């Protein structure tokens, strides 16, 4: 089973609230998490972006290479560098935030022998935005970046050591966050259901059949 399989529902499982949302509240708890003070989303199309590639797998592919697809790496986060924060005198607690965001990507290609392969790369974008930035405190705030990118087109050079040129669609989120202890209402601990083991039971459909044939209806006289 899981939270979303079967008939396990109630005040102590995640899901859509039905009825009075206050029903079942039993305590106020302190949780350690990241508080997001502000965030903004930028969606943009980038053309002619150069991406140096490394980590070819298999190594030494036979040229020329043909681009198949690409997207941001699931195992590498976006990183923020060259950060400057300038507070706006006419807007208390707001600031101009400038930063360079580095985005790691995974590339899929085929070589001249039609052998599929992968490679890794990264590219950078410069951001210049206005965000709500809290005043200094013992627990410092941070600027984080996240999002997703899809490479729609790509052209490999004749020399594999040269950068790949791509067009891409980028959705970039910049956030102002800080580690904090937050007081929240609680329904208590989650009720964790037992796992449902995955099986490929070839007999399940057969065993669902009735043991004996169902009698045919008696025709009307």
N, C-alpha and C. Protein backbone atom coordinates (compact mmCIF):
# COMPACT_ATOMS: atom_id res chain seq x y z
N UNK A 1 0.84 -1.18 0.00
CA UNK A 1 0.00 0.00 0.00
C UNK A 1 0.89 1.25 0.00
N UNK A 2 0.27 2.38 -0.14
CA UNK A 2 0.94 3.68 -0.02
C UNK A 2 -0.10 4.69 0.40
N UNK A 3 0.33 5.96 0.55
CA UNK A 3 -0.63 6.99 0.91
C UNK A 3 -1.76 7.10 -0.11
N UNK A 4 -1.48 6.75 -1.37
CA UNK A 4 -2.43 7.00 -2.45
C UNK A 4 -2.97 5.74 -3.09
N UNK A 5 -2.71 4.58 -2.50
CA UNK A 5 -3.24 3.31 -3.01
C UNK A 5 -4.11 2.70 -1.93
N UNK A 6 -5.24 2.23 -2.32
CA UNK A 6 -6.13 1.59 -1.35
C UNK A 6 -7.07 2.59 -0.71
N UNK A 7 -7.63 2.20 0.39
CA UNK A 7 -8.66 3.00 1.06
C UNK A 7 -8.18 3.63 2.36
N UNK A 8 -6.85 3.80 2.49
CA UNK A 8 -6.32 4.40 3.71
C UNK A 8 -6.43 5.92 3.59
N UNK A 9 -7.38 6.49 4.27
CA UNK A 9 -7.59 7.92 4.28
C UNK A 9 -7.92 8.34 5.70
N UNK A 10 -7.77 9.60 5.99
CA UNK A 10 -8.09 10.08 7.32
C UNK A 10 -7.30 11.31 7.66
N UNK A 11 -7.39 11.72 8.91
CA UNK A 11 -6.72 12.94 9.35
C UNK A 11 -5.21 12.79 9.43
N UNK A 12 -4.68 11.58 9.38
CA UNK A 12 -3.25 11.38 9.57
C UNK A 12 -2.57 10.85 8.32
N UNK A 13 -3.15 11.12 7.14
CA UNK A 13 -2.52 10.78 5.88
C UNK A 13 -2.61 11.98 4.95
N UNK A 14 -1.61 12.18 4.06
CA UNK A 14 -1.66 13.28 3.11
C UNK A 14 -2.82 13.11 2.14
N UNK A 15 -3.33 14.21 1.62
CA UNK A 15 -4.40 14.15 0.64
C UNK A 15 -5.29 15.38 0.73
N UNK A 16 -6.30 15.39 -0.09
CA UNK A 16 -7.24 16.51 -0.13
C UNK A 16 -8.07 16.53 1.16
N UNK A 17 -8.21 17.72 1.76
CA UNK A 17 -8.99 17.85 2.99
C UNK A 17 -10.47 17.78 2.65
N UNK A 18 -11.18 16.96 3.35
CA UNK A 18 -12.63 16.85 3.20
C UNK A 18 -13.28 17.20 4.53
N UNK A 19 -14.27 18.05 4.47
CA UNK A 19 -14.93 18.47 5.70
C UNK A 19 -14.18 19.62 6.35
N UNK A 20 -14.30 19.72 7.66
CA UNK A 20 -13.70 20.80 8.43
C UNK A 20 -12.19 20.59 8.57
N UNK A 21 -11.41 21.55 8.07
CA UNK A 21 -9.96 21.41 8.12
C UNK A 21 -9.42 21.41 9.54
N UNK A 22 -10.19 21.93 10.50
CA UNK A 22 -9.73 21.97 11.89
C UNK A 22 -9.94 20.64 12.60
N UNK A 23 -10.74 19.77 12.02
CA UNK A 23 -11.03 18.49 12.64
C UNK A 23 -9.77 17.62 12.67
N UNK A 24 -9.35 17.21 13.83
CA UNK A 24 -8.18 16.35 13.97
C UNK A 24 -6.92 17.08 14.39
N UNK A 25 -6.91 18.43 14.32
CA UNK A 25 -5.74 19.16 14.81
C UNK A 25 -5.53 18.88 16.29
N UNK A 26 -4.31 18.56 16.67
CA UNK A 26 -4.08 18.13 18.05
C UNK A 26 -2.91 18.82 18.73
N UNK A 27 -2.05 19.51 17.96
CA UNK A 27 -0.90 20.13 18.60
C UNK A 27 -0.28 21.18 17.67
N UNK A 28 0.60 21.99 18.25
CA UNK A 28 1.47 22.87 17.50
C UNK A 28 2.87 22.30 17.60
N UNK A 29 3.53 22.14 16.47
CA UNK A 29 4.86 21.53 16.48
C UNK A 29 5.86 22.47 15.84
N UNK A 30 7.11 22.33 16.24
CA UNK A 30 8.21 23.10 15.69
C UNK A 30 8.96 22.21 14.71
N UNK A 31 9.05 22.64 13.47
CA UNK A 31 9.77 21.87 12.45
C UNK A 31 10.95 22.68 11.95
N UNK A 32 12.05 22.00 11.62
CA UNK A 32 13.22 22.66 11.06
C UNK A 32 13.16 22.52 9.55
N UNK A 33 13.16 23.65 8.86
CA UNK A 33 13.00 23.63 7.42
C UNK A 33 13.60 24.89 6.83
N UNK A 34 13.42 25.09 5.54
CA UNK A 34 13.81 26.33 4.88
C UNK A 34 12.59 27.21 4.70
N UNK A 35 12.67 28.43 5.19
CA UNK A 35 11.60 29.39 4.93
C UNK A 35 11.94 30.16 3.67
N UNK A 36 10.98 30.23 2.75
CA UNK A 36 11.15 30.98 1.51
C UNK A 36 10.58 32.38 1.72
N UNK A 37 11.44 33.38 1.73
CA UNK A 37 11.00 34.75 1.94
C UNK A 37 10.47 35.37 0.65
N UNK A 38 11.03 34.98 -0.48
CA UNK A 38 10.55 35.50 -1.76
C UNK A 38 11.06 34.58 -2.87
N UNK A 39 10.40 34.62 -4.00
CA UNK A 39 10.80 33.80 -5.15
C UNK A 39 10.22 34.42 -6.41
N UNK A 40 10.89 34.20 -7.53
CA UNK A 40 10.36 34.66 -8.81
C UNK A 40 10.74 33.66 -9.89
N UNK A 41 9.91 33.60 -10.92
CA UNK A 41 10.07 32.64 -12.02
C UNK A 41 10.36 33.40 -13.30
N UNK A 42 11.40 32.98 -14.00
CA UNK A 42 11.70 33.53 -15.31
C UNK A 42 11.66 32.41 -16.34
N UNK A 43 10.86 32.58 -17.37
CA UNK A 43 10.77 31.62 -18.46
C UNK A 43 11.27 32.29 -19.73
N UNK A 44 12.24 31.69 -20.36
CA UNK A 44 12.85 32.32 -21.52
C UNK A 44 13.32 31.28 -22.52
N UNK A 45 13.43 31.70 -23.77
CA UNK A 45 13.97 30.86 -24.83
C UNK A 45 15.35 31.39 -25.19
N UNK A 46 16.33 30.50 -25.20
CA UNK A 46 17.71 30.88 -25.48
C UNK A 46 18.15 30.20 -26.77
N UNK A 47 18.73 30.97 -27.68
CA UNK A 47 19.19 30.44 -28.96
C UNK A 47 20.70 30.62 -29.09
N UNK A 48 21.33 29.64 -29.70
CA UNK A 48 22.77 29.73 -29.97
C UNK A 48 23.64 29.63 -28.75
N UNK A 49 23.19 28.90 -27.72
CA UNK A 49 23.97 28.74 -26.49
C UNK A 49 25.08 27.70 -26.71
N UNK A 50 26.30 28.05 -26.33
CA UNK A 50 27.44 27.12 -26.46
C UNK A 50 27.62 26.35 -25.16
N UNK A 51 27.78 25.04 -25.28
CA UNK A 51 27.95 24.19 -24.11
C UNK A 51 29.15 23.26 -24.33
N UNK A 52 30.27 23.49 -23.66
CA UNK A 52 31.39 22.53 -23.71
C UNK A 52 30.96 21.21 -23.07
N UNK A 53 31.36 20.10 -23.68
CA UNK A 53 30.93 18.79 -23.21
C UNK A 53 32.09 18.00 -22.64
N UNK A 54 31.80 17.20 -21.62
CA UNK A 54 32.76 16.29 -21.01
C UNK A 54 32.04 14.98 -20.71
N UNK A 55 32.78 14.01 -20.21
CA UNK A 55 32.19 12.76 -19.73
C UNK A 55 31.47 11.96 -20.79
N UNK A 56 32.04 11.88 -22.00
CA UNK A 56 31.40 11.11 -23.06
C UNK A 56 31.33 9.63 -22.67
N UNK A 57 30.17 9.04 -22.84
CA UNK A 57 29.95 7.63 -22.52
C UNK A 57 29.09 6.99 -23.62
N UNK A 58 29.66 6.06 -24.41
CA UNK A 58 31.03 5.53 -24.32
C UNK A 58 32.08 6.56 -24.74
N UNK A 59 33.29 6.35 -24.27
CA UNK A 59 34.38 7.27 -24.57
C UNK A 59 34.75 7.19 -26.05
N UNK A 60 35.29 8.29 -26.56
CA UNK A 60 35.79 8.36 -27.94
C UNK A 60 34.75 7.93 -28.96
N UNK A 61 33.59 8.57 -29.02
CA UNK A 61 32.59 8.21 -30.02
C UNK A 61 33.09 8.52 -31.44
N UNK A 62 32.53 7.81 -32.40
CA UNK A 62 32.91 8.00 -33.80
C UNK A 62 32.18 9.21 -34.37
N UNK A 63 32.94 10.17 -34.85
CA UNK A 63 32.36 11.39 -35.41
C UNK A 63 31.85 11.14 -36.83
N UNK A 64 30.86 11.92 -37.27
CA UNK A 64 30.21 13.04 -36.58
C UNK A 64 29.11 12.56 -35.62
N UNK A 65 28.75 13.43 -34.67
CA UNK A 65 27.72 13.12 -33.69
C UNK A 65 26.42 13.82 -34.08
N UNK A 66 25.31 13.18 -33.74
CA UNK A 66 23.99 13.73 -34.03
C UNK A 66 23.24 13.95 -32.72
N UNK A 67 22.79 15.17 -32.50
CA UNK A 67 22.06 15.51 -31.28
C UNK A 67 20.71 14.81 -31.25
N UNK A 68 20.36 14.24 -30.09
CA UNK A 68 19.06 13.58 -29.91
C UNK A 68 18.19 14.38 -28.94
N UNK A 69 18.70 14.64 -27.74
CA UNK A 69 17.92 15.37 -26.74
C UNK A 69 18.85 15.86 -25.64
N UNK A 70 18.30 16.69 -24.77
CA UNK A 70 19.06 17.17 -23.63
C UNK A 70 18.16 17.87 -22.64
N UNK A 71 18.54 17.80 -21.37
CA UNK A 71 17.80 18.49 -20.32
C UNK A 71 18.71 18.68 -19.12
N UNK A 72 18.22 19.47 -18.13
CA UNK A 72 19.04 19.68 -16.94
C UNK A 72 19.27 18.37 -16.20
N UNK A 73 20.43 18.25 -15.61
CA UNK A 73 20.81 17.02 -14.92
C UNK A 73 19.98 16.83 -13.66
N UNK A 74 19.50 15.62 -13.48
CA UNK A 74 18.72 15.31 -12.28
C UNK A 74 19.60 15.15 -11.05
N UNK A 75 20.91 14.96 -11.25
CA UNK A 75 21.81 14.68 -10.13
C UNK A 75 22.65 15.87 -9.73
N UNK A 76 22.60 16.97 -10.49
CA UNK A 76 23.41 18.14 -10.19
C UNK A 76 22.52 19.36 -10.04
N UNK A 77 22.59 20.09 -8.94
CA UNK A 77 21.73 21.26 -8.75
C UNK A 77 22.24 22.48 -9.51
N UNK A 78 21.36 23.46 -9.70
CA UNK A 78 21.79 24.76 -10.19
C UNK A 78 22.65 25.41 -9.10
N UNK A 79 23.66 26.18 -9.50
CA UNK A 79 24.50 26.87 -8.53
C UNK A 79 24.51 28.37 -8.82
N UNK A 80 24.70 29.15 -7.75
CA UNK A 80 24.69 30.60 -7.84
C UNK A 80 26.08 31.12 -7.52
N UNK A 81 26.60 32.04 -8.34
CA UNK A 81 27.91 32.65 -8.11
C UNK A 81 27.85 34.13 -8.50
N UNK A 82 28.94 34.83 -8.22
CA UNK A 82 29.03 36.27 -8.55
C UNK A 82 27.82 37.03 -8.02
N UNK A 83 27.44 36.74 -6.78
CA UNK A 83 26.23 37.31 -6.21
C UNK A 83 26.50 38.70 -5.63
N UNK A 84 25.65 39.65 -6.00
CA UNK A 84 25.66 40.98 -5.40
C UNK A 84 24.23 41.36 -5.04
N UNK A 85 24.08 41.95 -3.86
CA UNK A 85 22.77 42.36 -3.37
C UNK A 85 22.85 43.84 -2.99
N UNK A 86 22.06 44.66 -3.67
CA UNK A 86 22.03 46.09 -3.42
C UNK A 86 20.63 46.48 -2.93
N UNK A 87 20.55 46.89 -1.70
CA UNK A 87 19.24 47.26 -1.14
C UNK A 87 18.74 48.55 -1.79
N UNK A 88 17.42 48.61 -1.98
CA UNK A 88 16.78 49.75 -2.61
C UNK A 88 16.33 50.72 -1.53
N UNK A 89 16.84 51.92 -1.58
CA UNK A 89 16.53 52.90 -0.54
C UNK A 89 15.05 53.27 -0.51
N UNK A 90 14.41 53.29 -1.68
CA UNK A 90 13.00 53.70 -1.74
C UNK A 90 12.03 52.54 -1.52
N UNK A 91 12.55 51.32 -1.32
CA UNK A 91 11.69 50.15 -1.10
C UNK A 91 12.29 49.33 0.04
N UNK A 92 11.86 49.57 1.27
CA UNK A 92 12.43 48.85 2.42
C UNK A 92 12.30 47.33 2.26
N UNK A 93 13.39 46.64 2.61
CA UNK A 93 13.48 45.18 2.57
C UNK A 93 13.53 44.59 1.16
N UNK A 94 13.54 45.45 0.15
CA UNK A 94 13.72 44.96 -1.21
C UNK A 94 15.13 45.27 -1.68
N UNK A 95 15.62 44.44 -2.62
CA UNK A 95 16.99 44.62 -3.09
C UNK A 95 17.11 44.18 -4.54
N UNK A 96 18.08 44.79 -5.21
CA UNK A 96 18.46 44.34 -6.54
C UNK A 96 19.42 43.17 -6.38
N UNK A 97 19.05 42.02 -6.94
CA UNK A 97 19.84 40.80 -6.80
C UNK A 97 20.42 40.45 -8.17
N UNK A 98 21.74 40.45 -8.25
CA UNK A 98 22.42 40.06 -9.48
C UNK A 98 23.27 38.83 -9.21
N UNK A 99 23.22 37.87 -10.13
CA UNK A 99 23.95 36.62 -9.92
C UNK A 99 24.14 35.90 -11.25
N UNK A 100 25.11 35.01 -11.25
CA UNK A 100 25.33 34.09 -12.36
C UNK A 100 24.85 32.71 -11.93
N UNK A 101 23.96 32.12 -12.70
CA UNK A 101 23.41 30.80 -12.40
C UNK A 101 24.01 29.79 -13.37
N UNK A 102 24.63 28.76 -12.83
CA UNK A 102 25.22 27.69 -13.64
C UNK A 102 24.27 26.50 -13.67
N UNK A 103 23.98 26.03 -14.89
CA UNK A 103 22.96 24.99 -15.10
C UNK A 103 23.62 23.76 -15.72
N UNK A 104 23.72 22.65 -15.00
CA UNK A 104 24.28 21.42 -15.58
C UNK A 104 23.24 20.71 -16.45
N UNK A 105 23.71 20.13 -17.56
CA UNK A 105 22.81 19.46 -18.49
C UNK A 105 23.37 18.09 -18.88
N UNK A 106 22.46 17.19 -19.21
CA UNK A 106 22.81 15.88 -19.76
C UNK A 106 22.40 15.84 -21.23
N UNK A 107 23.30 15.37 -22.09
CA UNK A 107 23.08 15.34 -23.53
C UNK A 107 23.01 13.88 -24.00
N UNK A 108 22.06 13.60 -24.88
CA UNK A 108 21.96 12.29 -25.53
C UNK A 108 22.22 12.48 -27.02
N UNK A 109 23.04 11.60 -27.61
CA UNK A 109 23.41 11.72 -29.03
C UNK A 109 23.58 10.33 -29.63
N UNK A 110 23.73 10.28 -30.92
CA UNK A 110 24.17 9.07 -31.62
C UNK A 110 25.41 9.41 -32.42
N UNK A 111 26.33 8.44 -32.54
CA UNK A 111 27.55 8.71 -33.31
C UNK A 111 27.39 8.22 -34.75
N UNK A 112 28.48 8.26 -35.50
CA UNK A 112 28.41 7.91 -36.92
C UNK A 112 28.03 6.45 -37.14
N UNK A 113 28.25 5.60 -36.13
CA UNK A 113 27.87 4.18 -36.23
C UNK A 113 26.49 3.92 -35.64
N UNK A 114 25.74 4.99 -35.39
CA UNK A 114 24.40 4.91 -34.79
C UNK A 114 24.41 4.31 -33.40
N UNK A 115 25.52 4.50 -32.69
CA UNK A 115 25.63 4.06 -31.30
C UNK A 115 25.21 5.21 -30.39
N UNK A 116 24.25 4.94 -29.51
CA UNK A 116 23.76 5.98 -28.61
C UNK A 116 24.79 6.26 -27.53
N UNK A 117 24.89 7.52 -27.14
CA UNK A 117 25.81 7.91 -26.09
C UNK A 117 25.30 9.10 -25.32
N UNK A 118 25.99 9.42 -24.23
CA UNK A 118 25.63 10.56 -23.40
C UNK A 118 26.87 11.39 -23.10
N UNK A 119 26.62 12.65 -22.75
CA UNK A 119 27.70 13.54 -22.33
C UNK A 119 27.11 14.56 -21.37
N UNK A 120 27.99 15.25 -20.65
CA UNK A 120 27.55 16.25 -19.69
C UNK A 120 28.16 17.60 -20.05
N UNK A 121 27.46 18.63 -19.66
CA UNK A 121 27.95 19.99 -19.88
C UNK A 121 27.24 20.94 -18.94
N UNK A 122 27.57 22.22 -19.06
CA UNK A 122 26.90 23.24 -18.27
C UNK A 122 27.01 24.57 -18.99
N UNK A 123 26.04 25.43 -18.72
CA UNK A 123 26.10 26.78 -19.24
C UNK A 123 25.60 27.74 -18.17
N UNK A 124 25.83 29.01 -18.37
CA UNK A 124 25.49 30.01 -17.36
C UNK A 124 24.55 31.05 -17.93
N UNK A 125 23.72 31.61 -17.05
CA UNK A 125 22.87 32.74 -17.39
C UNK A 125 23.04 33.79 -16.29
N UNK A 126 22.98 35.04 -16.68
CA UNK A 126 23.10 36.15 -15.73
C UNK A 126 21.71 36.67 -15.39
N UNK A 127 21.45 36.82 -14.09
CA UNK A 127 20.16 37.29 -13.61
C UNK A 127 20.30 38.64 -12.93
N UNK A 128 19.29 39.49 -13.10
CA UNK A 128 19.27 40.82 -12.51
C UNK A 128 17.81 41.11 -12.16
N UNK A 129 17.42 40.86 -10.90
CA UNK A 129 16.01 40.92 -10.51
C UNK A 129 15.86 41.67 -9.19
N UNK A 130 14.62 41.99 -8.85
CA UNK A 130 14.29 42.61 -7.58
C UNK A 130 13.56 41.58 -6.72
N UNK A 131 14.03 41.38 -5.48
CA UNK A 131 13.42 40.41 -4.58
C UNK A 131 13.32 41.01 -3.17
N UNK A 132 12.37 40.50 -2.40
CA UNK A 132 12.29 40.82 -0.98
C UNK A 132 13.43 40.11 -0.27
N UNK A 133 14.26 40.86 0.43
CA UNK A 133 15.41 40.30 1.13
C UNK A 133 15.32 40.72 2.60
N UNK A 134 15.24 39.78 3.52
CA UNK A 134 15.10 40.14 4.94
C UNK A 134 16.34 40.84 5.47
N UNK A 135 16.18 41.50 6.59
CA UNK A 135 17.30 42.17 7.25
C UNK A 135 18.28 41.14 7.81
N UNK A 136 19.55 41.52 8.02
CA UNK A 136 20.54 40.57 8.54
C UNK A 136 20.12 39.99 9.88
N UNK A 137 20.46 38.72 10.09
CA UNK A 137 20.14 38.02 11.34
C UNK A 137 21.25 37.01 11.62
N UNK A 138 21.17 36.36 12.79
CA UNK A 138 22.18 35.36 13.14
C UNK A 138 22.13 34.20 12.14
N UNK A 139 20.93 33.76 11.80
CA UNK A 139 20.78 32.73 10.77
C UNK A 139 20.71 33.42 9.42
N UNK A 140 21.72 33.27 8.56
CA UNK A 140 21.77 34.04 7.33
C UNK A 140 20.80 33.52 6.27
N UNK A 141 20.37 34.43 5.42
CA UNK A 141 19.57 34.03 4.26
C UNK A 141 20.51 33.64 3.12
N UNK A 142 19.96 32.94 2.14
CA UNK A 142 20.73 32.53 0.97
C UNK A 142 19.90 32.76 -0.29
N UNK A 143 20.59 32.92 -1.41
CA UNK A 143 19.94 32.98 -2.72
C UNK A 143 20.14 31.62 -3.39
N UNK A 144 19.04 30.97 -3.72
CA UNK A 144 19.09 29.67 -4.37
C UNK A 144 18.45 29.74 -5.76
N UNK A 145 18.87 28.84 -6.62
CA UNK A 145 18.30 28.74 -7.96
C UNK A 145 17.89 27.30 -8.23
N UNK A 146 16.77 27.15 -8.91
CA UNK A 146 16.28 25.83 -9.31
C UNK A 146 15.45 26.02 -10.57
N UNK A 147 14.98 24.91 -11.12
CA UNK A 147 14.15 25.00 -12.32
C UNK A 147 14.41 23.85 -13.26
N UNK A 148 14.16 24.10 -14.53
CA UNK A 148 14.33 23.06 -15.53
C UNK A 148 14.67 23.67 -16.88
N UNK A 149 15.37 22.90 -17.70
CA UNK A 149 15.72 23.34 -19.05
C UNK A 149 15.60 22.16 -20.00
N UNK A 150 15.04 22.42 -21.17
CA UNK A 150 14.94 21.42 -22.23
C UNK A 150 15.70 21.95 -23.44
N UNK A 151 16.60 21.13 -23.97
CA UNK A 151 17.33 21.50 -25.18
C UNK A 151 16.52 21.04 -26.39
N UNK A 152 16.06 21.99 -27.18
CA UNK A 152 15.17 21.66 -28.30
C UNK A 152 15.92 21.31 -29.58
N UNK A 153 17.08 21.92 -29.79
CA UNK A 153 17.90 21.66 -30.97
C UNK A 153 19.36 21.69 -30.56
N UNK A 154 20.18 20.94 -31.28
CA UNK A 154 21.60 20.95 -30.99
C UNK A 154 22.42 20.63 -32.22
N UNK A 155 23.57 21.30 -32.35
CA UNK A 155 24.47 21.07 -33.48
C UNK A 155 25.86 20.79 -32.95
N UNK A 156 26.37 19.59 -33.26
CA UNK A 156 27.71 19.23 -32.84
C UNK A 156 28.72 19.77 -33.86
N UNK A 157 29.86 20.23 -33.38
CA UNK A 157 30.92 20.65 -34.30
C UNK A 157 31.63 19.44 -34.88
N UNK A 158 32.45 19.66 -35.89
CA UNK A 158 33.21 18.56 -36.47
C UNK A 158 34.23 18.02 -35.48
N UNK A 159 34.72 18.90 -34.62
CA UNK A 159 35.69 18.50 -33.60
C UNK A 159 34.94 18.30 -32.28
N UNK A 160 34.99 17.11 -31.72
CA UNK A 160 34.22 16.80 -30.51
C UNK A 160 34.66 17.62 -29.31
N UNK A 161 35.87 18.19 -29.36
CA UNK A 161 36.35 18.99 -28.23
C UNK A 161 35.77 20.40 -28.25
N UNK A 162 35.12 20.79 -29.33
CA UNK A 162 34.50 22.12 -29.41
C UNK A 162 33.12 22.09 -28.78
N UNK A 163 32.60 23.27 -28.37
CA UNK A 163 31.29 23.29 -27.70
C UNK A 163 30.14 22.88 -28.62
N UNK A 164 29.12 22.31 -28.00
CA UNK A 164 27.85 22.03 -28.66
C UNK A 164 27.04 23.32 -28.70
N UNK A 165 26.37 23.61 -29.80
CA UNK A 165 25.52 24.79 -29.92
C UNK A 165 24.07 24.35 -29.86
N UNK A 166 23.29 24.95 -28.95
CA UNK A 166 21.92 24.50 -28.73
C UNK A 166 20.95 25.67 -28.66
N UNK A 167 19.69 25.35 -28.89
CA UNK A 167 18.56 26.21 -28.54
C UNK A 167 17.85 25.53 -27.37
N UNK A 168 17.36 26.32 -26.42
CA UNK A 168 16.76 25.70 -25.25
C UNK A 168 15.64 26.56 -24.68
N UNK A 169 14.79 25.91 -23.89
CA UNK A 169 13.71 26.56 -23.15
C UNK A 169 14.05 26.44 -21.67
N UNK A 170 14.14 27.58 -20.99
CA UNK A 170 14.59 27.62 -19.60
C UNK A 170 13.51 28.18 -18.70
N UNK A 171 13.22 27.45 -17.62
CA UNK A 171 12.36 27.94 -16.54
C UNK A 171 13.22 28.01 -15.29
N UNK A 172 13.50 29.24 -14.83
CA UNK A 172 14.45 29.45 -13.74
C UNK A 172 13.75 30.12 -12.56
N UNK A 173 13.92 29.54 -11.36
CA UNK A 173 13.35 30.09 -10.14
C UNK A 173 14.48 30.57 -9.25
N UNK A 174 14.42 31.84 -8.86
CA UNK A 174 15.34 32.38 -7.86
C UNK A 174 14.59 32.53 -6.55
N UNK A 175 15.22 32.11 -5.44
CA UNK A 175 14.56 32.13 -4.13
C UNK A 175 15.48 32.73 -3.09
N UNK A 176 14.86 33.44 -2.14
CA UNK A 176 15.56 33.91 -0.95
C UNK A 176 15.11 33.01 0.19
N UNK A 177 16.02 32.22 0.76
CA UNK A 177 15.67 31.23 1.77
C UNK A 177 16.57 31.36 2.98
N UNK A 178 16.09 30.83 4.10
CA UNK A 178 16.89 30.75 5.32
C UNK A 178 16.43 29.55 6.13
N UNK A 179 17.38 28.88 6.79
CA UNK A 179 17.03 27.79 7.71
C UNK A 179 16.31 28.38 8.92
N UNK A 180 15.23 27.75 9.32
CA UNK A 180 14.44 28.30 10.43
C UNK A 180 13.67 27.19 11.12
N UNK A 181 13.30 27.46 12.37
CA UNK A 181 12.37 26.61 13.10
C UNK A 181 11.00 27.27 13.01
N UNK A 182 10.05 26.58 12.38
CA UNK A 182 8.74 27.14 12.10
C UNK A 182 7.69 26.42 12.95
N UNK A 183 6.79 27.19 13.55
CA UNK A 183 5.70 26.60 14.33
C UNK A 183 4.50 26.41 13.42
N UNK A 184 4.01 25.18 13.33
CA UNK A 184 2.90 24.86 12.44
C UNK A 184 1.88 24.00 13.17
N UNK A 185 0.60 24.09 12.76
CA UNK A 185 -0.40 23.18 13.33
C UNK A 185 -0.19 21.76 12.81
N UNK A 186 -0.57 20.78 13.61
CA UNK A 186 -0.29 19.39 13.25
C UNK A 186 -1.48 18.50 13.59
N UNK A 187 -1.63 17.46 12.78
CA UNK A 187 -2.59 16.40 13.05
C UNK A 187 -1.91 15.22 13.76
N UNK A 188 -0.65 15.38 14.14
CA UNK A 188 0.09 14.29 14.75
C UNK A 188 0.95 13.57 13.72
N UNK A 189 1.48 12.44 14.11
CA UNK A 189 2.33 11.68 13.21
C UNK A 189 1.52 11.06 12.08
N UNK A 190 2.20 10.90 10.94
CA UNK A 190 1.54 10.25 9.80
C UNK A 190 1.31 8.77 10.09
N UNK A 191 0.20 8.28 9.63
CA UNK A 191 -0.07 6.84 9.65
C UNK A 191 0.55 6.25 8.39
N UNK A 192 1.62 5.47 8.56
CA UNK A 192 2.34 4.91 7.42
C UNK A 192 1.77 3.55 7.06
N UNK A 193 1.17 3.40 5.88
CA UNK A 193 0.60 2.10 5.50
C UNK A 193 1.69 1.13 5.09
N UNK A 194 1.41 -0.16 5.14
CA UNK A 194 2.39 -1.15 4.68
C UNK A 194 2.60 -1.04 3.18
N UNK A 195 3.81 -1.41 2.72
CA UNK A 195 4.12 -1.33 1.29
C UNK A 195 3.35 -2.39 0.52
N UNK A 196 3.04 -2.05 -0.72
CA UNK A 196 2.46 -3.02 -1.63
C UNK A 196 3.57 -3.53 -2.54
N UNK A 197 3.96 -4.77 -2.40
CA UNK A 197 5.04 -5.33 -3.20
C UNK A 197 4.62 -5.44 -4.66
N UNK A 198 5.56 -5.09 -5.56
CA UNK A 198 5.28 -5.22 -6.99
C UNK A 198 5.52 -6.65 -7.41
N UNK A 199 4.53 -7.24 -8.07
CA UNK A 199 4.67 -8.59 -8.59
C UNK A 199 4.09 -8.66 -9.99
N UNK A 200 4.67 -9.51 -10.81
CA UNK A 200 4.13 -9.80 -12.14
C UNK A 200 3.56 -11.21 -12.09
N UNK A 201 2.39 -11.31 -11.51
CA UNK A 201 1.74 -12.61 -11.33
C UNK A 201 0.98 -12.96 -12.60
N UNK A 202 1.55 -13.88 -13.38
CA UNK A 202 0.93 -14.25 -14.65
C UNK A 202 -0.39 -14.99 -14.44
N UNK A 203 -0.63 -15.49 -13.24
CA UNK A 203 -1.85 -16.25 -12.99
C UNK A 203 -2.98 -15.39 -12.43
N UNK A 204 -2.69 -14.10 -12.11
CA UNK A 204 -3.70 -13.31 -11.42
C UNK A 204 -4.97 -13.18 -12.24
N UNK A 205 -4.85 -12.92 -13.55
CA UNK A 205 -6.05 -12.81 -14.38
C UNK A 205 -6.82 -14.12 -14.46
N UNK A 206 -6.07 -15.21 -14.49
CA UNK A 206 -6.72 -16.52 -14.57
C UNK A 206 -7.45 -16.85 -13.27
N UNK A 207 -6.81 -16.56 -12.13
CA UNK A 207 -7.42 -16.88 -10.84
C UNK A 207 -8.61 -15.98 -10.53
N UNK A 208 -8.75 -14.86 -11.23
CA UNK A 208 -9.89 -13.98 -11.02
C UNK A 208 -11.17 -14.51 -11.69
N UNK A 209 -11.00 -15.49 -12.54
CA UNK A 209 -12.18 -16.07 -13.21
C UNK A 209 -13.00 -16.88 -12.22
N UNK A 210 -14.33 -16.97 -12.43
CA UNK A 210 -15.15 -17.83 -11.55
C UNK A 210 -14.73 -19.28 -11.69
N UNK A 211 -14.88 -20.02 -10.59
CA UNK A 211 -14.47 -21.42 -10.59
C UNK A 211 -15.28 -22.25 -11.57
N UNK A 212 -16.61 -22.01 -11.62
CA UNK A 212 -17.50 -22.76 -12.51
C UNK A 212 -18.17 -21.79 -13.48
N UNK A 213 -18.57 -22.28 -14.63
CA UNK A 213 -19.23 -21.41 -15.59
C UNK A 213 -20.51 -20.84 -15.02
N UNK A 214 -20.83 -19.65 -15.41
CA UNK A 214 -22.09 -19.04 -15.01
C UNK A 214 -23.21 -19.62 -15.86
N UNK A 215 -24.30 -20.09 -15.24
CA UNK A 215 -25.39 -20.66 -16.03
C UNK A 215 -25.97 -19.66 -16.99
N UNK A 216 -26.30 -20.12 -18.18
CA UNK A 216 -26.94 -19.25 -19.17
C UNK A 216 -28.36 -18.95 -18.72
N UNK A 217 -28.88 -17.76 -18.98
CA UNK A 217 -30.26 -17.44 -18.60
C UNK A 217 -31.25 -18.34 -19.30
N UNK A 218 -32.31 -18.67 -18.57
CA UNK A 218 -33.35 -19.53 -19.16
C UNK A 218 -34.14 -18.73 -20.19
N UNK A 219 -34.27 -19.24 -21.40
CA UNK A 219 -35.03 -18.49 -22.42
C UNK A 219 -36.51 -18.40 -22.01
N UNK A 220 -37.13 -17.30 -22.40
CA UNK A 220 -38.54 -17.13 -22.12
C UNK A 220 -39.37 -18.12 -22.92
N UNK A 221 -40.38 -18.65 -22.23
CA UNK A 221 -41.26 -19.62 -22.91
C UNK A 221 -42.13 -18.90 -23.93
